[in-house]
Amino acid sequence: FAPGEVRLDVNYYSTQAYLSTLEQNENVQLSYKEKIARGKEQLELLRSNPNIMNERDAAYEENVRIAKEQEAGASKKREEERLERIAAKEKEEEEYRKQVEERRTQ
């Protein structure tokens, strides 16, 4: 209670309930402080070894690698298709030239 605070509902049960909430808040604060301390320890560990990655970062790196491989595969496939189209066009042009030459010779 605050100094000079007047309460009319002060009895054994309300005081016990108030004290129990204070204890719970202290436990929560202690748990919070333990989590902060553990986090500081983990942060120091991570900073001391830059090669350590957490699971989320590792999964992200794997997804990036897969995406790059897929893009490289798709790019290679597009290039192969382009070369096939060029070869087919050149073949058609060559056949057309042969037909034109045959007509001229006849």
Protein backbone atom coordinates (compact mmCIF):
# COMPACT_ATOMS: atom_id res chain seq x y z
CA PHE A 1 0.00 0.00 0.00
CA ALA A 2 1.09 3.54 -0.64
CA PRO A 3 1.98 5.73 2.37
CA GLY A 4 -1.09 7.52 3.67
CA GLU A 5 -3.44 5.37 1.63
CA VAL A 6 -6.75 4.63 3.30
CA ARG A 7 -8.58 1.43 2.51
CA LEU A 8 -11.83 0.33 3.95
CA ASP A 9 -11.77 -3.22 2.62
CA VAL A 10 -8.63 -4.32 4.49
CA ASN A 11 -9.08 -7.67 6.15
CA TYR A 12 -7.17 -10.92 6.41
CA TYR A 13 -8.38 -12.33 3.07
CA SER A 14 -7.87 -9.18 1.01
CA THR A 15 -4.38 -8.78 2.49
CA GLN A 16 -3.51 -12.39 1.68
CA ALA A 17 -4.79 -11.95 -1.88
CA TYR A 18 -2.76 -8.76 -2.28
CA LEU A 19 0.40 -10.41 -0.94
CA SER A 20 -0.12 -13.42 -3.22
CA THR A 21 -0.33 -11.14 -6.27
CA LEU A 22 2.87 -9.41 -5.14
CA GLU A 23 4.61 -12.78 -4.88
CA GLN A 24 3.38 -13.74 -8.34
CA ASN A 25 4.65 -10.45 -9.74
CA GLU A 26 8.03 -11.08 -8.09
CA ASN A 27 8.11 -14.58 -9.64
CA VAL A 28 7.24 -13.11 -13.03
CA GLN A 29 9.96 -10.50 -12.61
CA LEU A 30 12.45 -13.18 -11.58
CA SER A 31 11.48 -15.30 -14.58
CA TYR A 32 11.84 -12.26 -16.83
CA LYS A 33 15.27 -11.48 -15.39
CA GLU A 34 16.36 -15.10 -15.93
CA LYS A 35 15.23 -14.92 -19.56
CA ILE A 36 17.12 -11.67 -20.06
CA ALA A 37 20.27 -13.17 -18.51
CA ARG A 38 19.97 -16.28 -20.73
CA GLY A 39 19.49 -14.05 -23.77
CA LYS A 40 22.61 -12.04 -22.92
CA GLU A 41 24.61 -15.27 -22.60
CA GLN A 42 23.35 -16.50 -25.98
CA LEU A 43 24.08 -13.13 -27.57
CA GLU A 44 27.66 -13.21 -26.33
CA LEU A 45 28.02 -16.75 -27.67
CA LEU A 46 26.66 -15.71 -31.07
CA ARG A 47 28.87 -12.65 -31.22
CA SER A 48 31.96 -14.65 -30.28
CA ASN A 49 31.39 -17.15 -33.12
CA PRO A 50 30.08 -15.53 -36.33
CA ASN A 51 29.64 -18.92 -38.04
CA ILE A 52 26.73 -19.89 -35.79
CA MET A 53 23.31 -19.46 -37.41
CA ASN A 54 19.94 -19.93 -35.84
CA GLU A 55 17.43 -22.29 -37.42
CA ARG A 56 15.43 -19.54 -39.10
CA ASP A 57 18.55 -18.07 -40.75
CA ALA A 58 19.69 -21.53 -41.85
CA ALA A 59 16.27 -22.25 -43.37
CA TYR A 60 16.33 -18.88 -45.13
CA GLU A 61 19.79 -19.55 -46.54
CA GLU A 62 18.63 -22.97 -47.77
CA ASN A 63 15.58 -21.42 -49.45
CA VAL A 64 17.78 -18.78 -51.12
CA ARG A 65 20.16 -21.48 -52.37
CA ILE A 66 17.27 -23.54 -53.76
CA ALA A 67 15.75 -20.48 -55.43
CA LYS A 68 19.10 -19.64 -57.06
CA GLU A 69 19.47 -23.21 -58.30
CA GLN A 70 15.93 -23.17 -59.72
CA GLU A 71 16.56 -19.81 -61.39
CA ALA A 72 19.83 -21.08 -62.86
CA GLY A 73 18.04 -24.20 -64.12
CA ALA A 74 15.22 -22.13 -65.61
CA SER A 75 17.71 -19.75 -67.21
CA LYS A 76 19.64 -22.67 -68.70
CA LYS A 77 16.40 -24.19 -70.01
CA ARG A 78 15.35 -20.86 -71.58
CA GLU A 79 18.75 -20.57 -73.25
CA GLU A 80 18.50 -24.12 -74.61
CA GLU A 81 15.00 -23.41 -75.96
CA ARG A 82 16.26 -20.19 -77.56
CA LEU A 83 19.13 -22.04 -79.23
CA GLU A 84 16.73 -24.74 -80.45
CA ARG A 85 14.46 -22.09 -81.98
CA ILE A 86 17.44 -20.46 -83.69
CA ALA A 87 18.61 -23.82 -85.03
CA ALA A 88 15.10 -24.66 -86.27
CA LYS A 89 14.84 -21.26 -87.96
CA GLU A 90 18.23 -21.69 -89.62
CA LYS A 91 17.20 -25.16 -90.80
CA GLU A 92 13.99 -23.76 -92.30
CA GLU A 93 15.94 -20.99 -94.02
CA GLU A 94 18.41 -23.51 -95.41
CA GLU A 95 15.57 -25.69 -96.73
CA TYR A 96 13.95 -22.62 -98.31
CA ARG A 97 17.26 -21.69 -99.98
CA LYS A 98 17.57 -25.23 -101.35
CA GLN A 99 14.04 -25.05 -102.76
CA VAL A 100 14.78 -21.69 -104.36
CA GLU A 101 17.99 -23.07 -105.89
CA GLU A 102 16.13 -26.13 -107.21
CA ARG A 103 13.54 -23.90 -108.86
CA ARG A 104 16.25 -21.80 -110.47
CA THR A 105 18.01 -24.84 -111.87
CA GLN A 106 14.83 -26.25 -113.41
